[in-house]
PDB file of N, CA and C in Angstrom:
ATOM      1  N   UNK A   1      43.717 -13.731  20.979  1.00  0.00           N
ATOM      2  CA  UNK A   1      43.009 -13.804  19.709  1.00  0.00           C
ATOM      3  C   UNK A   1      42.590 -15.260  19.495  1.00  0.00           C
ATOM      4  N   UNK A   2      41.313 -15.449  19.236  1.00  0.00           N
ATOM      5  CA  UNK A   2      40.790 -16.781  18.934  1.00  0.00           C
ATOM      6  C   UNK A   2      40.802 -16.961  17.419  1.00  0.00           C
ATOM      7  N   UNK A   3      41.352 -18.086  16.975  1.00  0.00           N
ATOM      8  CA  UNK A   3      41.427 -18.399  15.550  1.00  0.00           C
ATOM      9  C   UNK A   3      40.686 -19.706  15.305  1.00  0.00           C
ATOM     10  N   UNK A   4      39.665 -19.667  14.435  1.00  0.00           N
ATOM     11  CA  UNK A   4      38.901 -20.876  14.129  1.00  0.00           C
ATOM     12  C   UNK A   4      38.607 -20.943  12.637  1.00  0.00           C
ATOM     13  N   UNK A   5      38.366 -22.178  12.162  1.00  0.00           N
ATOM     14  CA  UNK A   5      38.014 -22.330  10.744  1.00  0.00           C
ATOM     15  C   UNK A   5      36.516 -22.550  10.571  1.00  0.00           C
ATOM     16  N   UNK A   6      35.747 -22.313  11.622  1.00  0.00           N
ATOM     17  CA  UNK A   6      34.290 -22.353  11.538  1.00  0.00           C
ATOM     18  C   UNK A   6      33.774 -20.924  11.382  1.00  0.00           C
ATOM     19  N   UNK A   7      32.505 -20.780  11.019  1.00  0.00           N
ATOM     20  CA  UNK A   7      31.960 -19.427  10.867  1.00  0.00           C
ATOM     21  C   UNK A   7      31.268 -18.930  12.129  1.00  0.00           C
ATOM     22  N   UNK A   8      31.499 -19.604  13.243  1.00  0.00           N
ATOM     23  CA  UNK A   8      30.923 -19.197  14.530  1.00  0.00           C
ATOM     24  C   UNK A   8      31.868 -19.614  15.651  1.00  0.00           C
ATOM     25  N   UNK A   9      31.622 -19.052  16.837  1.00  0.00           N
ATOM     26  CA  UNK A   9      32.318 -19.466  18.053  1.00  0.00           C
ATOM     27  C   UNK A   9      31.230 -19.749  19.073  1.00  0.00           C
ATOM     28  N   UNK A  10      31.171 -20.968  19.559  1.00  0.00           N
ATOM     29  CA  UNK A  10      30.105 -21.381  20.483  1.00  0.00           C
ATOM     30  C   UNK A  10      29.977 -20.405  21.649  1.00  0.00           C
ATOM     31  N   UNK A  11      28.734 -19.988  21.894  1.00  0.00           N
ATOM     32  CA  UNK A  11      28.435 -19.125  23.028  1.00  0.00           C
ATOM     33  C   UNK A  11      28.763 -17.664  22.819  1.00  0.00           C
ATOM     34  N   UNK A  12      29.177 -17.285  21.626  1.00  0.00           N
ATOM     35  CA  UNK A  12      29.542 -15.879  21.366  1.00  0.00           C
ATOM     36  C   UNK A  12      28.674 -15.324  20.252  1.00  0.00           C
ATOM     37  N   UNK A  13      28.244 -14.092  20.442  1.00  0.00           N
ATOM     38  CA  UNK A  13      27.571 -13.354  19.384  1.00  0.00           C
ATOM     39  C   UNK A  13      28.631 -12.498  18.713  1.00  0.00           C
ATOM     40  N   UNK A  14      28.681 -12.529  17.388  1.00  0.00           N
ATOM     41  CA  UNK A  14      29.774 -11.897  16.671  1.00  0.00           C
ATOM     42  C   UNK A  14      29.328 -10.708  15.834  1.00  0.00           C
ATOM     43  N   UNK A  15      30.157  -9.696  15.835  1.00  0.00           N
ATOM     44  CA  UNK A  15      29.992  -8.556  14.934  1.00  0.00           C
ATOM     45  C   UNK A  15      31.140  -8.636  13.935  1.00  0.00           C
ATOM     46  N   UNK A  16      30.823  -8.734  12.656  1.00  0.00           N
ATOM     47  CA  UNK A  16      31.858  -8.852  11.632  1.00  0.00           C
ATOM     48  C   UNK A  16      32.528  -7.512  11.383  1.00  0.00           C
ATOM     49  N   UNK A  17      33.853  -7.542  11.339  1.00  0.00           N
ATOM     50  CA  UNK A  17      34.628  -6.334  11.070  1.00  0.00           C
ATOM     51  C   UNK A  17      35.149  -6.298   9.644  1.00  0.00           C
ATOM     52  N   UNK A  18      35.353  -7.462   9.063  1.00  0.00           N
ATOM     53  CA  UNK A  18      35.810  -7.498   7.675  1.00  0.00           C
ATOM     54  C   UNK A  18      36.867  -8.549   7.430  1.00  0.00           C
ATOM     55  N   UNK A  19      37.234  -8.672   6.172  1.00  0.00           N
ATOM     56  CA  UNK A  19      38.233  -9.639   5.736  1.00  0.00           C
ATOM     57  C   UNK A  19      39.618  -9.204   6.200  1.00  0.00           C
ATOM     58  N   UNK A  20      40.380 -10.168   6.715  1.00  0.00           N
ATOM     59  CA  UNK A  20      41.783  -9.926   7.046  1.00  0.00           C
ATOM     60  C   UNK A  20      42.616 -11.000   6.366  1.00  0.00           C
ATOM     61  N   UNK A  21      43.843 -10.648   6.052  1.00  0.00           N
ATOM     62  CA  UNK A  21      44.693 -11.608   5.362  1.00  0.00           C
ATOM     63  C   UNK A  21      46.157 -11.334   5.686  1.00  0.00           C
ATOM     64  N   UNK A  22      46.936 -12.344   5.460  1.00  0.00           N
ATOM     65  CA  UNK A  22      48.383 -12.231   5.591  1.00  0.00           C
ATOM     66  C   UNK A  22      48.999 -13.148   4.564  1.00  0.00           C
ATOM     67  N   UNK A  23      50.127 -12.758   4.027  1.00  0.00           N
ATOM     68  CA  UNK A  23      50.759 -13.617   3.026  1.00  0.00           C
ATOM     69  C   UNK A  23      52.274 -13.481   3.091  1.00  0.00           C
ATOM     70  N   UNK A  24      52.935 -14.431   2.482  1.00  0.00           N
ATOM     71  CA  UNK A  24      54.377 -14.407   2.348  1.00  0.00           C
ATOM     72  C   UNK A  24      54.769 -15.256   1.154  1.00  0.00           C
ATOM     73  N   UNK A  25      55.907 -14.962   0.605  1.00  0.00           N
ATOM     74  CA  UNK A  25      56.494 -15.794  -0.452  1.00  0.00           C
ATOM     75  C   UNK A  25      57.818 -16.289   0.100  1.00  0.00           C
ATOM     76  N   UNK A  26      57.975 -17.595   0.104  1.00  0.00           N
ATOM     77  CA  UNK A  26      59.155 -18.217   0.689  1.00  0.00           C
ATOM     78  C   UNK A  26      59.891 -19.047  -0.359  1.00  0.00           C
ATOM     79  N   UNK A  27      61.192 -19.163  -0.162  1.00  0.00           N
ATOM     80  CA  UNK A  27      61.984 -20.068  -0.997  1.00  0.00           C
ATOM     81  C   UNK A  27      63.113 -20.634  -0.153  1.00  0.00           C
ATOM     82  N   UNK A  28      63.679 -21.710  -0.612  1.00  0.00           N
ATOM     83  CA  UNK A  28      64.858 -22.301   0.022  1.00  0.00           C
ATOM     84  C   UNK A  28      66.079 -21.865  -0.775  1.00  0.00           C
ATOM     85  N   UNK A  29      67.211 -21.768  -0.095  1.00  0.00           N
ATOM     86  CA  UNK A  29      68.432 -21.382  -0.799  1.00  0.00           C
ATOM     87  C   UNK A  29      68.819 -22.465  -1.807  1.00  0.00           C
ATOM     88  N   UNK A  30      69.647 -22.106  -2.726  1.00  0.00           N
ATOM     89  CA  UNK A  30      69.971 -22.953  -3.876  1.00  0.00           C
ATOM     90  C   UNK A  30      70.505 -24.322  -3.459  1.00  0.00           C
ATOM     91  N   UNK A  31      71.284 -24.395  -2.403  1.00  0.00           N
ATOM     92  CA  UNK A  31      71.814 -25.681  -1.949  1.00  0.00           C
ATOM     93  C   UNK A  31      70.716 -26.634  -1.526  1.00  0.00           C
ATOM     94  N   UNK A  32      69.756 -26.144  -0.731  1.00  0.00           N
ATOM     95  CA  UNK A  32      68.632 -26.977  -0.299  1.00  0.00           C
ATOM     96  C   UNK A  32      67.764 -27.362  -1.493  1.00  0.00           C
ATOM     97  N   UNK A  33      67.539 -26.415  -2.382  1.00  0.00           N
ATOM     98  CA  UNK A  33      66.714 -26.687  -3.558  1.00  0.00           C
ATOM     99  C   UNK A  33      67.359 -27.792  -4.401  1.00  0.00           C
ATOM    100  N   UNK A  34      68.660 -27.711  -4.561  1.00  0.00           N
ATOM    101  CA  UNK A  34      69.398 -28.697  -5.360  1.00  0.00           C
ATOM    102  C   UNK A  34      69.329 -30.084  -4.719  1.00  0.00           C
ATOM    103  N   UNK A  35      69.565 -30.170  -3.405  1.00  0.00           N
ATOM    104  CA  UNK A  35      69.540 -31.476  -2.734  1.00  0.00           C
ATOM    105  C   UNK A  35      68.142 -32.070  -2.715  1.00  0.00           C
ATOM    106  N   UNK A  36      67.119 -31.221  -2.601  1.00  0.00           N
ATOM    107  CA  UNK A  36      65.752 -31.725  -2.587  1.00  0.00           C
ATOM    108  C   UNK A  36      65.346 -32.274  -3.956  1.00  0.00           C
ATOM    109  N   UNK A  37      65.954 -31.752  -5.023  1.00  0.00           N
ATOM    110  CA  UNK A  37      65.624 -32.266  -6.351  1.00  0.00           C
ATOM    111  C   UNK A  37      66.072 -33.724  -6.497  1.00  0.00           C
ATOM    112  N   UNK A  38      67.142 -34.104  -5.843  1.00  0.00           N
ATOM    113  CA  UNK A  38      67.572 -35.510  -5.869  1.00  0.00           C
ATOM    114  C   UNK A  38      66.578 -36.404  -5.133  1.00  0.00           C
ATOM    115  N   UNK A  39      65.964 -35.877  -4.085  1.00  0.00           N
ATOM    116  CA  UNK A  39      64.999 -36.658  -3.301  1.00  0.00           C
ATOM    117  C   UNK A  39      63.800 -37.045  -4.166  1.00  0.00           C
ATOM    118  N   UNK A  40      63.465 -36.242  -5.136  1.00  0.00           N
ATOM    119  CA  UNK A  40      62.328 -36.569  -6.006  1.00  0.00           C
ATOM    120  C   UNK A  40      62.593 -37.812  -6.847  1.00  0.00           C
ATOM    121  N   UNK A  41      63.859 -38.147  -7.037  1.00  0.00           N
ATOM    122  CA  UNK A  41      64.198 -39.348  -7.816  1.00  0.00           C
ATOM    123  C   UNK A  41      63.891 -40.632  -7.058  1.00  0.00           C
ATOM    124  N   UNK A  42      64.050 -40.599  -5.736  1.00  0.00           N
ATOM    125  CA  UNK A  42      63.846 -41.814  -4.939  1.00  0.00           C
ATOM    126  C   UNK A  42      62.529 -41.794  -4.163  1.00  0.00           C
ATOM    127  N   UNK A  43      61.898 -40.655  -4.081  1.00  0.00           N
ATOM    128  CA  UNK A  43      60.618 -40.542  -3.382  1.00  0.00           C
ATOM    129  C   UNK A  43      60.805 -40.235  -1.908  1.00  0.00           C
ATOM    130  N   UNK A  44      59.704 -39.938  -1.253  1.00  0.00           N
ATOM    131  CA  UNK A  44      59.725 -39.613   0.170  1.00  0.00           C
ATOM    132  C   UNK A  44      59.424 -38.151   0.408  1.00  0.00           C
ATOM    133  N   UNK A  45      59.378 -37.822   1.681  1.00  0.00           N
ATOM    134  CA  UNK A  45      59.048 -36.454   2.080  1.00  0.00           C
ATOM    135  C   UNK A  45      60.199 -35.512   1.766  1.00  0.00           C
ATOM    136  N   UNK A  46      59.861 -34.357   1.257  1.00  0.00           N
ATOM    137  CA  UNK A  46      60.840 -33.299   1.012  1.00  0.00           C
ATOM    138  C   UNK A  46      60.855 -32.405   2.254  1.00  0.00           C
ATOM    139  N   UNK A  47      61.631 -32.811   3.242  1.00  0.00           N
ATOM    140  CA  UNK A  47      61.583 -32.175   4.564  1.00  0.00           C
ATOM    141  C   UNK A  47      61.916 -30.692   4.534  1.00  0.00           C
ATOM    142  N   UNK A  48      62.845 -30.283   3.694  1.00  0.00           N
ATOM    143  CA  UNK A  48      63.185 -28.864   3.609  1.00  0.00           C
ATOM    144  C   UNK A  48      61.984 -28.048   3.129  1.00  0.00           C
ATOM    145  N   UNK A  49      61.216 -28.611   2.194  1.00  0.00           N
ATOM    146  CA  UNK A  49      60.031 -27.900   1.701  1.00  0.00           C
ATOM    147  C   UNK A  49      58.883 -27.959   2.708  1.00  0.00           C
ATOM    148  N   UNK A  50      58.772 -29.051   3.428  1.00  0.00           N
ATOM    149  CA  UNK A  50      57.765 -29.128   4.494  1.00  0.00           C
ATOM    150  C   UNK A  50      58.037 -28.045   5.525  1.00  0.00           C
ATOM    151  N   UNK A  51      59.289 -27.911   5.926  1.00  0.00           N
ATOM    152  CA  UNK A  51      59.674 -26.881   6.891  1.00  0.00           C
ATOM    153  C   UNK A  51      59.398 -25.489   6.325  1.00  0.00           C
ATOM    154  N   UNK A  52      59.744 -25.282   5.055  1.00  0.00           N
ATOM    155  CA  UNK A  52      59.518 -23.987   4.426  1.00  0.00           C
ATOM    156  C   UNK A  52      58.036 -23.617   4.438  1.00  0.00           C
ATOM    157  N   UNK A  53      57.175 -24.581   4.094  1.00  0.00           N
ATOM    158  CA  UNK A  53      55.741 -24.294   4.046  1.00  0.00           C
ATOM    159  C   UNK A  53      55.167 -24.070   5.438  1.00  0.00           C
ATOM    160  N   UNK A  54      55.646 -24.808   6.432  1.00  0.00           N
ATOM    161  CA  UNK A  54      55.199 -24.586   7.815  1.00  0.00           C
ATOM    162  C   UNK A  54      55.580 -23.189   8.289  1.00  0.00           C
ATOM    163  N   UNK A  55      56.806 -22.778   7.988  1.00  0.00           N
ATOM    164  CA  UNK A  55      57.241 -21.427   8.339  1.00  0.00           C
ATOM    165  C   UNK A  55      56.408 -20.373   7.611  1.00  0.00           C
ATOM    166  N   UNK A  56      56.120 -20.616   6.344  1.00  0.00           N
ATOM    167  CA  UNK A  56      55.319 -19.674   5.555  1.00  0.00           C
ATOM    168  C   UNK A  56      53.914 -19.538   6.135  1.00  0.00           C
ATOM    169  N   UNK A  57      53.292 -20.661   6.529  1.00  0.00           N
ATOM    170  CA  UNK A  57      51.956 -20.592   7.142  1.00  0.00           C
ATOM    171  C   UNK A  57      51.992 -19.810   8.443  1.00  0.00           C
ATOM    172  N   UNK A  58      53.044 -20.016   9.254  1.00  0.00           N
ATOM    173  CA  UNK A  58      53.178 -19.275  10.514  1.00  0.00           C
ATOM    174  C   UNK A  58      53.301 -17.773  10.267  1.00  0.00           C
ATOM    175  N   UNK A  59      54.107 -17.396   9.291  1.00  0.00           N
ATOM    176  CA  UNK A  59      54.277 -15.972   8.970  1.00  0.00           C
ATOM    177  C   UNK A  59      52.971 -15.382   8.460  1.00  0.00           C
ATOM    178  N   UNK A  60      52.305 -16.079   7.535  1.00  0.00           N
ATOM    179  CA  UNK A  60      51.040 -15.579   6.984  1.00  0.00           C
ATOM    180  C   UNK A  60      49.997 -15.439   8.080  1.00  0.00           C
ATOM    181  N   UNK A  61      49.942 -16.414   8.994  1.00  0.00           N
ATOM    182  CA  UNK A  61      48.978 -16.353  10.096  1.00  0.00           C
ATOM    183  C   UNK A  61      49.268 -15.164  10.998  1.00  0.00           C
ATOM    184  N   UNK A  62      50.519 -14.941  11.347  1.00  0.00           N
ATOM    185  CA  UNK A  62      50.844 -13.822  12.238  1.00  0.00           C
ATOM    186  C   UNK A  62      50.538 -12.475  11.576  1.00  0.00           C
ATOM    187  N   UNK A  63      50.731 -12.380  10.277  1.00  0.00           N
ATOM    188  CA  UNK A  63      50.388 -11.128   9.568  1.00  0.00           C
ATOM    189  C   UNK A  63      48.881 -10.922   9.521  1.00  0.00           C
ATOM    190  N   UNK A  64      48.130 -12.013   9.354  1.00  0.00           N
ATOM    191  CA  UNK A  64      46.669 -11.926   9.374  1.00  0.00           C
ATOM    192  C   UNK A  64      46.188 -11.479  10.758  1.00  0.00           C
ATOM    193  N   UNK A  65      46.761 -12.053  11.809  1.00  0.00           N
ATOM    194  CA  UNK A  65      46.387 -11.686  13.181  1.00  0.00           C
ATOM    195  C   UNK A  65      46.710 -10.214  13.444  1.00  0.00           C
ATOM    196  N   UNK A  66      47.853  -9.744  12.986  1.00  0.00           N
ATOM    197  CA  UNK A  66      48.221  -8.335  13.167  1.00  0.00           C
ATOM    198  C   UNK A  66      47.211  -7.405  12.498  1.00  0.00           C
ATOM    199  N   UNK A  67      46.743  -7.795  11.315  1.00  0.00           N
ATOM    200  CA  UNK A  67      45.734  -6.991  10.609  1.00  0.00           C
ATOM    201  C   UNK A  67      44.422  -6.978  11.397  1.00  0.00           C
ATOM    202  N   UNK A  68      44.051  -8.127  11.965  1.00  0.00           N
ATOM    203  CA  UNK A  68      42.819  -8.211  12.761  1.00  0.00           C
ATOM    204  C   UNK A  68      42.940  -7.395  14.044  1.00  0.00           C
ATOM    205  N   UNK A  69      44.094  -7.458  14.691  1.00  0.00           N
ATOM    206  CA  UNK A  69      44.305  -6.683  15.919  1.00  0.00           C
ATOM    207  C   UNK A  69      44.212  -5.187  15.648  1.00  0.00           C
ATOM    208  N   UNK A  70      44.700  -4.755  14.489  1.00  0.00           N
ATOM    209  CA  UNK A  70      44.611  -3.337  14.114  1.00  0.00           C
ATOM    210  C   UNK A  70      43.159  -2.884  13.973  1.00  0.00           C
ATOM    211  N   UNK A  71      42.265  -3.832  13.656  1.00  0.00           N
ATOM    212  CA  UNK A  71      40.829  -3.515  13.558  1.00  0.00           C
ATOM    213  C   UNK A  71      40.123  -3.614  14.907  1.00  0.00           C
ATOM    214  N   UNK A  72      40.834  -4.078  15.931  1.00  0.00           N
ATOM    215  CA  UNK A  72      40.229  -4.262  17.250  1.00  0.00           C
ATOM    216  C   UNK A  72      39.477  -5.569  17.384  1.00  0.00           C
ATOM    217  N   UNK A  73      39.816  -6.553  16.596  1.00  0.00           N
ATOM    218  CA  UNK A  73      39.110  -7.836  16.600  1.00  0.00           C
ATOM    219  C   UNK A  73      39.437  -8.653  17.845  1.00  0.00           C
ATOM    220  N   UNK A  74      38.461  -9.474  18.238  1.00  0.00           N
ATOM    221  CA  UNK A  74      38.647 -10.438  19.323  1.00  0.00           C
ATOM    222  C   UNK A  74      38.983 -11.824  18.775  1.00  0.00           C
ATOM    223  N   UNK A  75      38.616 -12.061  17.520  1.00  0.00           N
ATOM    224  CA  UNK A  75      38.807 -13.385  16.925  1.00  0.00           C
ATOM    225  C   UNK A  75      38.810 -13.270  15.411  1.00  0.00           C
ATOM    226  N   UNK A  76      39.246 -14.360  14.781  1.00  0.00           N
ATOM    227  CA  UNK A  76      39.140 -14.497  13.327  1.00  0.00           C
ATOM    228  C   UNK A  76      38.433 -15.815  13.075  1.00  0.00           C
ATOM    229  N   UNK A  77      37.350 -15.746  12.319  1.00  0.00           N
ATOM    230  CA  UNK A  77      36.572 -16.947  12.003  1.00  0.00           C
ATOM    231  C   UNK A  77      36.727 -17.289  10.528  1.00  0.00           C
ATOM    232  N   UNK A  78      36.360 -18.521  10.213  1.00  0.00           N
ATOM    233  CA  UNK A  78      36.361 -19.002   8.828  1.00  0.00           C
ATOM    234  C   UNK A  78      37.735 -18.858   8.164  1.00  0.00           C
ATOM    235  N   UNK A  79      38.782 -19.205   8.910  1.00  0.00           N
ATOM    236  CA  UNK A  79      40.151 -19.078   8.401  1.00  0.00           C
ATOM    237  C   UNK A  79      40.410 -20.124   7.321  1.00  0.00           C
ATOM    238  N   UNK A  80      41.059 -19.688   6.271  1.00  0.00           N
ATOM    239  CA  UNK A  80      41.438 -20.561   5.171  1.00  0.00           C
ATOM    240  C   UNK A  80      42.881 -20.262   4.785  1.00  0.00           C
ATOM    241  N   UNK A  81      43.527 -21.246   4.193  1.00  0.00           N
ATOM    242  CA  UNK A  81      44.887 -21.096   3.681  1.00  0.00           C
ATOM    243  C   UNK A  81      44.895 -21.495   2.213  1.00  0.00           C
ATOM    244  N   UNK A  82      45.740 -20.834   1.461  1.00  0.00           N
ATOM    245  CA  UNK A  82      45.930 -21.189   0.055  1.00  0.00           C
ATOM    246  C   UNK A  82      47.409 -21.009  -0.256  1.00  0.00           C
ATOM    247  N   UNK A  83      47.871 -21.771  -1.226  1.00  0.00           N
ATOM    248  CA  UNK A  83      49.261 -21.618  -1.644  1.00  0.00           C
ATOM    249  C   UNK A  83      49.345 -21.767  -3.159  1.00  0.00           C
ATOM    250  N   UNK A  84      50.385 -21.183  -3.694  1.00  0.00           N
ATOM    251  CA  UNK A  84      50.612 -21.265  -5.135  1.00  0.00           C
ATOM    252  C   UNK A  84      52.101 -21.142  -5.400  1.00  0.00           C
ATOM    253  N   UNK A  85      52.572 -21.875  -6.386  1.00  0.00           N
ATOM    254  CA  UNK A  85      53.957 -21.744  -6.807  1.00  0.00           C
ATOM    255  C   UNK A  85      54.138 -20.425  -7.531  1.00  0.00           C
ATOM    256  N   UNK A  86      55.196 -19.724  -7.198  1.00  0.00           N
ATOM    257  CA  UNK A  86      55.484 -18.444  -7.841  1.00  0.00           C
ATOM    258  C   UNK A  86      56.559 -18.635  -8.896  1.00  0.00           C
ATOM    259  N   UNK A  87      57.517 -19.470  -8.559  1.00  0.00           N
ATOM    260  CA  UNK A  87      58.593 -19.859  -9.460  1.00  0.00           C
ATOM    261  C   UNK A  87      59.168 -21.144  -8.889  1.00  0.00           C
ATOM    262  N   UNK A  88      60.048 -21.797  -9.593  1.00  0.00           N
ATOM    263  CA  UNK A  88      60.599 -23.047  -9.088  1.00  0.00           C
ATOM    264  C   UNK A  88      61.288 -22.809  -7.748  1.00  0.00           C
ATOM    265  N   UNK A  89      60.869 -23.577  -6.743  1.00  0.00           N
ATOM    266  CA  UNK A  89      61.479 -23.475  -5.426  1.00  0.00           C
ATOM    267  C   UNK A  89      60.918 -22.379  -4.555  1.00  0.00           C
ATOM    268  N   UNK A  90      59.895 -21.669  -5.014  1.00  0.00           N
ATOM    269  CA  UNK A  90      59.294 -20.587  -4.224  1.00  0.00           C
ATOM    270  C   UNK A  90      57.782 -20.715  -4.261  1.00  0.00           C
ATOM    271  N   UNK A  91      57.158 -20.433  -3.123  1.00  0.00           N
ATOM    272  CA  UNK A  91      55.702 -20.542  -3.035  1.00  0.00           C
ATOM    273  C   UNK A  91      55.144 -19.392  -2.216  1.00  0.00           C
ATOM    274  N   UNK A  92      53.958 -18.951  -2.602  1.00  0.00           N
ATOM    275  CA  UNK A  92      53.217 -17.967  -1.824  1.00  0.00           C
ATOM    276  C   UNK A  92      52.222 -18.720  -0.965  1.00  0.00           C
ATOM    277  N   UNK A  93      52.109 -18.305   0.276  1.00  0.00           N
ATOM    278  CA  UNK A  93      51.079 -18.822   1.170  1.00  0.00           C
ATOM    279  C   UNK A  93      50.271 -17.626   1.643  1.00  0.00           C
ATOM    280  N   UNK A  94      48.953 -17.745   1.579  1.00  0.00           N
ATOM    281  CA  UNK A  94      48.065 -16.708   2.080  1.00  0.00           C
ATOM    282  C   UNK A  94      47.119 -17.317   3.096  1.00  0.00           C
ATOM    283  N   UNK A  95      46.925 -16.591   4.181  1.00  0.00           N
ATOM    284  CA  UNK A  95      45.943 -16.954   5.209  1.00  0.00           C
ATOM    285  C   UNK A  95      44.901 -15.844   5.204  1.00  0.00           C
ATOM    286  N   UNK A  96      43.625 -16.234   5.236  1.00  0.00           N
ATOM    287  CA  UNK A  96      42.582 -15.211   5.254  1.00  0.00           C
ATOM    288  C   UNK A  96      41.387 -15.689   6.061  1.00  0.00           C
ATOM    289  N   UNK A  97      40.646 -14.731   6.579  1.00  0.00           N
ATOM    290  CA  UNK A  97      39.468 -15.041   7.373  1.00  0.00           C
ATOM    291  C   UNK A  97      38.694 -13.767   7.651  1.00  0.00           C
ATOM    292  N   UNK A  98      37.683 -13.891   8.499  1.00  0.00           N
ATOM    293  CA  UNK A  98      36.844 -12.755   8.857  1.00  0.00           C
ATOM    294  C   UNK A  98      37.140 -12.321  10.283  1.00  0.00           C
ATOM    295  N   UNK A  99      37.560 -11.081  10.444  1.00  0.00           N
ATOM    296  CA  UNK A  99      37.808 -10.525  11.773  1.00  0.00           C
ATOM    297  C   UNK A  99      36.459 -10.212  12.418  1.00  0.00           C
ATOM    298  N   UNK A 100      36.312 -10.587  13.686  1.00  0.00           N
ATOM    299  CA  UNK A 100      35.063 -10.354  14.402  1.00  0.00           C
ATOM    300  C   UNK A 100      35.341  -9.784  15.786  1.00  0.00           C
ATOM    301  N   UNK A 101      34.347  -9.108  16.303  1.00  0.00           N
ATOM    302  CA  UNK A 101      34.383  -8.578  17.664  1.00  0.00           C
ATOM    303  C   UNK A 101      33.217  -9.219  18.409  1.00  0.00           C
ATOM    304  N   UNK A 102      33.420  -9.542  19.683  1.00  0.00           N
ATOM    305  CA  UNK A 102      32.338 -10.119  20.476  1.00  0.00           C
ATOM    306  C   UNK A 102      31.362  -9.016  20.866  1.00  0.00           C
ATOM    307  N   UNK A 103      30.059  -9.324  20.784  1.00  0.00           N
ATOM    308  CA  UNK A 103      29.024  -8.357  21.171  1.00  0.00           C
ATOM    309  C   UNK A 103      28.825  -8.418  22.669  1.00  0.00           C
TER     310      UNK A 103
END
Protein backbone atom coordinates (compact mmCIF):
# COMPACT_ATOMS: atom_id res chain seq x y z
CA UNK A 1 0.00 0.00 0.00
CA UNK A 2 1.39 3.38 -1.02
CA UNK A 3 0.64 6.20 1.42
CA UNK A 4 1.20 9.82 0.35
CA UNK A 5 0.05 13.26 1.43
CA UNK A 6 -0.11 14.53 -2.15
CA UNK A 7 -3.18 14.24 -4.37
CA UNK A 8 -1.27 12.28 -7.03
CA UNK A 9 1.37 9.58 -7.44
CA UNK A 10 3.94 10.29 -10.16
CA UNK A 11 3.49 8.08 -13.20
CA UNK A 12 0.18 6.59 -12.04
CA UNK A 13 -3.33 7.19 -13.26
CA UNK A 14 -5.73 6.95 -10.34
CA UNK A 15 -9.32 5.86 -9.93
CA UNK A 16 -10.80 7.24 -6.71
CA UNK A 17 -12.57 4.73 -4.50
CA UNK A 18 -13.58 7.02 -1.67
CA UNK A 19 -12.71 8.43 1.72
CA UNK A 20 -11.03 6.11 4.22
CA UNK A 21 -10.27 6.84 7.82
CA UNK A 22 -8.99 5.35 11.01
CA UNK A 23 -9.09 6.70 14.52
CA UNK A 24 -8.26 5.91 18.11
CA UNK A 25 -8.55 7.53 21.50
CA UNK A 26 -5.51 7.07 23.70
CA UNK A 27 -4.64 7.95 27.27
CA UNK A 28 -1.78 7.34 29.67
CA UNK A 29 -2.35 5.60 32.98
CA UNK A 30 -2.78 7.78 36.04
CA UNK A 31 0.83 7.40 37.21
CA UNK A 32 2.27 8.67 33.91
CA UNK A 33 -0.32 11.43 33.74
CA UNK A 34 0.58 12.55 37.27
CA UNK A 35 4.36 12.56 36.65
CA UNK A 36 3.96 14.40 33.35
CA UNK A 37 2.01 17.16 35.11
CA UNK A 38 5.14 17.96 37.15
CA UNK A 39 7.15 18.27 33.92
CA UNK A 40 4.92 21.17 32.87
CA UNK A 41 6.25 23.15 35.84
CA UNK A 42 9.86 23.04 34.62
CA UNK A 43 9.27 22.79 30.87
CA UNK A 44 10.60 20.41 28.26
CA UNK A 45 9.25 17.57 26.21
CA UNK A 46 6.50 15.44 27.70
CA UNK A 47 7.98 12.16 26.46
CA UNK A 48 5.15 9.95 27.70
CA UNK A 49 2.67 12.03 25.71
CA UNK A 50 4.93 12.11 22.65
CA UNK A 51 5.04 8.31 22.77
CA UNK A 52 1.27 8.14 23.28
CA UNK A 53 0.59 10.34 20.25
CA UNK A 54 3.05 8.42 18.06
CA UNK A 55 1.34 5.17 19.01
CA UNK A 56 -2.08 6.73 18.35
CA UNK A 57 -1.00 7.88 14.86
CA UNK A 58 0.31 4.38 14.09
CA UNK A 59 -2.97 2.78 15.18
CA UNK A 60 -5.09 5.30 13.25
CA UNK A 61 -2.94 4.80 10.14
CA UNK A 62 -3.21 1.01 10.29
CA UNK A 63 -7.00 1.23 10.67
CA UNK A 64 -7.18 3.59 7.70
CA UNK A 65 -5.06 1.19 5.62
CA UNK A 66 -7.29 -1.74 6.61
CA UNK A 67 -10.35 0.20 5.43
CA UNK A 68 -8.61 0.98 2.11
CA UNK A 69 -7.55 -2.65 1.63
CA UNK A 70 -11.17 -3.74 2.15
CA UNK A 71 -12.06 -1.50 -0.82
CA UNK A 72 -9.31 -3.07 -2.95
CA UNK A 73 -7.19 0.08 -2.97
CA UNK A 74 -3.60 0.21 -4.19
CA UNK A 75 -2.80 3.46 -2.39
CA UNK A 76 -4.13 6.25 -0.21
CA UNK A 77 -3.54 9.81 -1.37
CA UNK A 78 -3.98 13.18 0.31
CA UNK A 79 -3.50 11.71 3.80
CA UNK A 80 -4.14 14.05 6.70
CA UNK A 81 -4.03 13.70 10.48
CA UNK A 82 -6.02 15.54 13.10
CA UNK A 83 -6.15 15.30 16.86
CA UNK A 84 -8.34 16.64 19.61
CA UNK A 85 -8.41 16.41 23.37
CA UNK A 86 -11.29 14.29 24.59
CA UNK A 87 -10.66 14.72 28.29
CA UNK A 88 -7.63 15.52 30.41
CA UNK A 89 -4.87 13.08 29.53
CA UNK A 90 -6.73 11.56 26.56
CA UNK A 91 -6.67 12.47 22.89
CA UNK A 92 -8.33 11.29 19.71
CA UNK A 93 -6.21 10.95 16.60
CA UNK A 94 -7.80 10.48 13.19
CA UNK A 95 -6.06 9.67 9.93
CA UNK A 96 -7.97 10.14 6.69
CA UNK A 97 -7.34 10.17 2.98
CA UNK A 98 -8.64 9.06 -0.40
CA UNK A 99 -8.36 5.39 -1.34
CA UNK A 100 -7.36 4.93 -4.98
CA UNK A 101 -6.81 2.10 -7.42
CA UNK A 102 -4.26 2.25 -10.24
CA UNK A 103 -5.77 2.28 -13.74
